[in-house]
C-alpha atoms as a PDB file:
ATOM      1  CA  MET A   1      -0.205   3.595  19.761  1.00  0.00           C
ATOM      2  CA  GLY A   2       0.333   0.450  21.814  1.00  0.00           C
ATOM      3  CA  ALA A   3       0.870  -3.073  20.528  1.00  0.00           C
ATOM      4  CA  GLN A   4      -1.759  -4.214  18.018  1.00  0.00           C
ATOM      5  CA  LYS A   5      -2.650  -7.491  16.308  1.00  0.00           C
ATOM      6  CA  GLY A   6      -1.129  -7.750  12.846  1.00  0.00           C
ATOM      7  CA  LYS A   7      -4.295  -9.374  11.537  1.00  0.00           C
ATOM      8  CA  ASP A   8      -6.145  -6.104  12.218  1.00  0.00           C
ATOM      9  CA  LEU A   9      -4.094  -4.233   9.576  1.00  0.00           C
ATOM     10  CA  LEU A  10      -6.475  -4.470   6.617  1.00  0.00           C
ATOM     11  CA  LEU A  11      -6.169  -3.813   2.886  1.00  0.00           C
ATOM     12  CA  LYS A  12      -9.464  -2.962   1.197  1.00  0.00           C
ATOM     13  CA  MET A  13     -10.111  -2.379  -2.499  1.00  0.00           C
ATOM     14  CA  ASN A  14     -13.126  -0.694  -4.055  1.00  0.00           C
ATOM     15  CA  ASP A  15     -15.295  -2.858  -6.290  1.00  0.00           C
ATOM     16  CA  GLY A  16     -17.234   0.128  -7.622  1.00  0.00           C
ATOM     17  CA  ILE A  17     -19.836  -0.057  -4.845  1.00  0.00           C
ATOM     18  CA  SER A  18     -17.987  -0.539  -1.571  1.00  0.00           C
ATOM     19  CA  PHE A  19     -14.604  -1.424  -0.112  1.00  0.00           C
ATOM     20  CA  ILE A  20     -13.919  -5.161   0.071  1.00  0.00           C
ATOM     21  CA  THR A  21     -11.212  -6.556   2.360  1.00  0.00           C
ATOM     22  CA  VAL A  22      -8.628  -8.505   0.362  1.00  0.00           C
ATOM     23  CA  ALA A  23      -9.126 -11.898   1.979  1.00  0.00           C
ATOM     24  CA  GLY A  24      -6.399 -14.345   2.898  1.00  0.00           C
ATOM     25  CA  LEU A  25      -3.585 -11.837   3.434  1.00  0.00           C
ATOM     26  CA  ARG A  26      -1.313 -13.185   6.159  1.00  0.00           C
ATOM     27  CA  SER A  27       1.080 -10.254   6.090  1.00  0.00           C
ATOM     28  CA  ARG A  28       0.706  -6.705   4.856  1.00  0.00           C
ATOM     29  CA  LYS A  29       2.715  -3.511   4.963  1.00  0.00           C
ATOM     30  CA  ILE A  30       2.310   0.115   3.974  1.00  0.00           C
ATOM     31  CA  ALA A  31       5.318   2.367   3.485  1.00  0.00           C
ATOM     32  CA  PHE A  32       5.399   6.133   2.963  1.00  0.00           C
ATOM     33  CA  ASN A  33       8.258   7.842   1.173  1.00  0.00           C
ATOM     34  CA  ALA A  34       9.094  11.432   0.309  1.00  0.00           C
ATOM     35  CA  GLU A  35      11.892  12.304  -2.061  1.00  0.00           C
ATOM     36  CA  THR A  36      14.100  15.161  -1.000  1.00  0.00           C
ATOM     37  CA  VAL A  37      15.413  18.048  -3.073  1.00  0.00           C
ATOM     38  CA  ASP A  38      19.007  18.897  -2.175  1.00  0.00           C
ATOM     39  CA  VAL A  39      19.731  22.645  -2.363  1.00  0.00           C
ATOM     40  CA  THR A  40      23.154  22.562  -0.719  1.00  0.00           C
ATOM     41  CA  HIS A  41      25.548  25.152  -2.124  1.00  0.00           C
ATOM     42  CA  ALA A  42      29.099  26.406  -1.591  1.00  0.00           C
ATOM     43  CA  GLU A  43      28.025  28.702   1.244  1.00  0.00           C
ATOM     44  CA  SER A  44      25.937  26.164   3.183  1.00  0.00           C
ATOM     45  CA  ALA A  45      26.821  26.343   6.896  1.00  0.00           C
ATOM     46  CA  ASP A  46      29.808  24.043   7.507  1.00  0.00           C
ATOM     47  CA  ARG A  47      28.894  22.260   4.256  1.00  0.00           C
ATOM     48  CA  TRP A  48      25.857  20.655   5.862  1.00  0.00           C
ATOM     49  CA  ARG A  49      23.257  19.435   3.434  1.00  0.00           C
ATOM     50  CA  GLU A  50      20.238  21.687   2.964  1.00  0.00           C
ATOM     51  CA  LEU A  51      16.853  20.444   1.765  1.00  0.00           C
ATOM     52  CA  LEU A  52      14.090  22.381   0.063  1.00  0.00           C
ATOM     53  CA  GLU A  53      11.075  22.211   2.354  1.00  0.00           C
ATOM     54  CA  GLY A  54       7.875  20.838   0.854  1.00  0.00           C
ATOM     55  CA  ALA A  55       9.504  19.808  -2.438  1.00  0.00           C
ATOM     56  CA  GLY A  56       9.913  16.363  -3.933  1.00  0.00           C
ATOM     57  CA  VAL A  57       7.450  13.585  -4.618  1.00  0.00           C
ATOM     58  CA  LYS A  58       5.468  11.768  -1.929  1.00  0.00           C
ATOM     59  CA  ARG A  59       4.365   8.206  -2.466  1.00  0.00           C
ATOM     60  CA  ALA A  60       3.029   5.194  -0.645  1.00  0.00           C
ATOM     61  CA  SER A  61       3.461   1.532  -1.402  1.00  0.00           C
ATOM     62  CA  ILE A  62       1.487  -1.398  -0.068  1.00  0.00           C
ATOM     63  CA  SER A  63       2.600  -5.005  -0.087  1.00  0.00           C
ATOM     64  CA  GLY A  64       0.989  -8.183   1.110  1.00  0.00           C
ATOM     65  CA  ARG A  65       1.368 -11.941   1.100  1.00  0.00           C
ATOM     66  CA  GLY A  66      -1.221 -14.614   1.630  1.00  0.00           C
ATOM     67  CA  LEU A  67      -3.511 -17.094   0.001  1.00  0.00           C
ATOM     68  CA  PHE A  68      -6.672 -16.586  -1.992  1.00  0.00           C
ATOM     69  CA  LYS A  69      -9.662 -17.839  -0.025  1.00  0.00           C
ATOM     70  CA  ASP A  70     -12.567 -15.576  -0.875  1.00  0.00           C
ATOM     71  CA  ALA A  71     -13.969 -15.735  -4.413  1.00  0.00           C
ATOM     72  CA  SER A  72     -15.164 -12.122  -4.593  1.00  0.00           C
ATOM     73  CA  SER A  73     -11.911 -10.506  -3.426  1.00  0.00           C
ATOM     74  CA  ASP A  74      -9.848 -12.947  -5.542  1.00  0.00           C
ATOM     75  CA  ALA A  75     -11.780 -11.972  -8.670  1.00  0.00           C
ATOM     76  CA  LEU A  76     -11.552  -8.272  -7.821  1.00  0.00           C
ATOM     77  CA  VAL A  77      -7.748  -8.349  -7.424  1.00  0.00           C
ATOM     78  CA  ARG A  78      -7.263 -10.302 -10.657  1.00  0.00           C
ATOM     79  CA  GLN A  79      -9.579  -8.046 -12.647  1.00  0.00           C
ATOM     80  CA  ILE A  80      -8.012  -4.811 -11.373  1.00  0.00           C
ATOM     81  CA  PHE A  81      -4.527  -6.119 -12.191  1.00  0.00           C
ATOM     82  CA  PHE A  82      -5.302  -7.371 -15.702  1.00  0.00           C
ATOM     83  CA  ASP A  83      -7.278  -4.215 -16.541  1.00  0.00           C
ATOM     84  CA  GLY A  84      -4.375  -2.051 -15.294  1.00  0.00           C
ATOM     85  CA  GLU A  85      -6.856   0.030 -13.311  1.00  0.00           C
ATOM     86  CA  VAL A  86      -6.101   2.680 -10.746  1.00  0.00           C
ATOM     87  CA  THR A  87      -8.624   1.960  -8.005  1.00  0.00           C
ATOM     88  CA  PRO A  88      -9.547   3.469  -4.642  1.00  0.00           C
ATOM     89  CA  CYS A  89      -8.037   1.514  -1.741  1.00  0.00           C
ATOM     90  CA  GLN A  90      -8.083   1.764   2.023  1.00  0.00           C
ATOM     91  CA  VAL A  91      -5.513   0.615   4.535  1.00  0.00           C
ATOM     92  CA  VAL A  92      -6.899   0.341   8.050  1.00  0.00           C
ATOM     93  CA  VAL A  93      -4.158   0.636  10.681  1.00  0.00           C
ATOM     94  CA  PRO A  94      -5.500  -0.408  14.097  1.00  0.00           C
ATOM     95  CA  ALA A  95      -5.500   2.301  16.797  1.00  0.00           C
ATOM     96  CA  PHE A  96      -4.145   4.761  14.214  1.00  0.00           C
ATOM     97  CA  GLY A  97      -6.537   5.425  11.357  1.00  0.00           C
ATOM     98  CA  THR A  98      -7.407   4.817   7.730  1.00  0.00           C
ATOM     99  CA  ILE A  99      -5.335   5.809   4.703  1.00  0.00           C
ATOM    100  CA  GLU A 100      -7.380   6.100   1.525  1.00  0.00           C
ATOM    101  CA  GLY A 101      -6.670   6.982  -2.069  1.00  0.00           C
ATOM    102  CA  PRO A 102      -5.982   5.715  -5.581  1.00  0.00           C
ATOM    103  CA  PHE A 103      -3.550   2.819  -6.048  1.00  0.00           C
ATOM    104  CA  GLN A 104      -2.442   0.629  -8.930  1.00  0.00           C
ATOM    105  CA  ILE A 105      -1.397  -2.990  -8.548  1.00  0.00           C
ATOM    106  CA  SER A 106       2.261  -2.976  -9.583  1.00  0.00           C
ATOM    107  CA  SER A 107       2.940  -6.674  -9.016  1.00  0.00           C
ATOM    108  CA  LEU A 108       0.951  -9.863  -8.525  1.00  0.00           C
ATOM    109  CA  GLU A 109       2.954 -13.047  -8.012  1.00  0.00           C
ATOM    110  CA  PHE A 110       1.868 -16.620  -7.364  1.00  0.00           C
ATOM    111  CA  SER A 111       3.934 -19.392  -5.816  1.00  0.00           C
ATOM    112  CA  GLY A 112       3.457 -22.805  -4.290  1.00  0.00           C
ATOM    113  CA  GLU A 113       5.312 -25.721  -2.831  1.00  0.00           C
ATOM    114  CA  HIS A 114       4.648 -29.309  -3.880  1.00  0.00           C
ATOM    115  CA  ASN A 115       3.214 -30.131  -0.457  1.00  0.00           C
ATOM    116  CA  GLY A 116       1.594 -26.764   0.336  1.00  0.00           C
ATOM    117  CA  GLU A 117      -0.959 -24.233  -0.778  1.00  0.00           C
ATOM    118  CA  VAL A 118      -0.691 -21.669  -3.561  1.00  0.00           C
ATOM    119  CA  THR A 119       0.169 -18.238  -2.183  1.00  0.00           C
ATOM    120  CA  PHE A 120       0.292 -14.794  -3.723  1.00  0.00           C
ATOM    121  CA  ASP A 121       2.280 -11.611  -3.243  1.00  0.00           C
ATOM    122  CA  ILE A 122       0.751  -8.279  -4.162  1.00  0.00           C
ATOM    123  CA  GLY A 123       2.323  -4.843  -4.513  1.00  0.00           C
ATOM    124  CA  LEU A 124       0.464  -1.566  -4.967  1.00  0.00           C
ATOM    125  CA  GLU A 125       1.736   1.962  -5.641  1.00  0.00           C
ATOM    126  CA  SER A 126      -0.094   5.184  -4.881  1.00  0.00           C
ATOM    127  CA  ALA A 127      -1.442   6.967  -7.941  1.00  0.00           C
ATOM    128  CA  GLY A 128      -2.623  10.270  -6.485  1.00  0.00           C
ATOM    129  CA  ALA A 129      -3.270  12.178  -3.278  1.00  0.00           C
ATOM    130  CA  LEU A 130      -3.965  10.136  -0.146  1.00  0.00           C
ATOM    131  CA  THR A 131      -6.141  11.107   2.795  1.00  0.00           C
ATOM    132  CA  PHE A 132      -5.822  10.086   6.422  1.00  0.00           C
ATOM    133  CA  THR A 133      -8.702   9.704   8.870  1.00  0.00           C
ATOM    134  CA  SER A 134      -7.749   9.024  12.478  1.00  0.00           C
ATOM    135  CA  LEU A 135      -9.715   6.541  14.546  1.00  0.00           C
END
């Protein structure tokens, strides 16, 4: 994957009918994590750590920062957060593919400077199995 435009990394949330791009996000990030299960014991070769293959918990987190500018996506984000819903989301990574699955909004923060616009920060955590479709 060569260099890509950051604006092409998209976060989309399902409104019950289709996926809507969360408008106004100026930065966004997706991170994948897998916990490890340490099975090191007294007879491990030279006391090197050993891990149990395929064990542990996998998770993904999404974060973004921007400003609300589209009424439909603004309302969707607010409603999903206040209802505490787990909703289908997509993250489109340019020249890579699409990650899709259930996520819950774990944080929604608003801030603003006296001489600037109101911005928001959003955090989402995976809430089930994710799928990947390459482009």
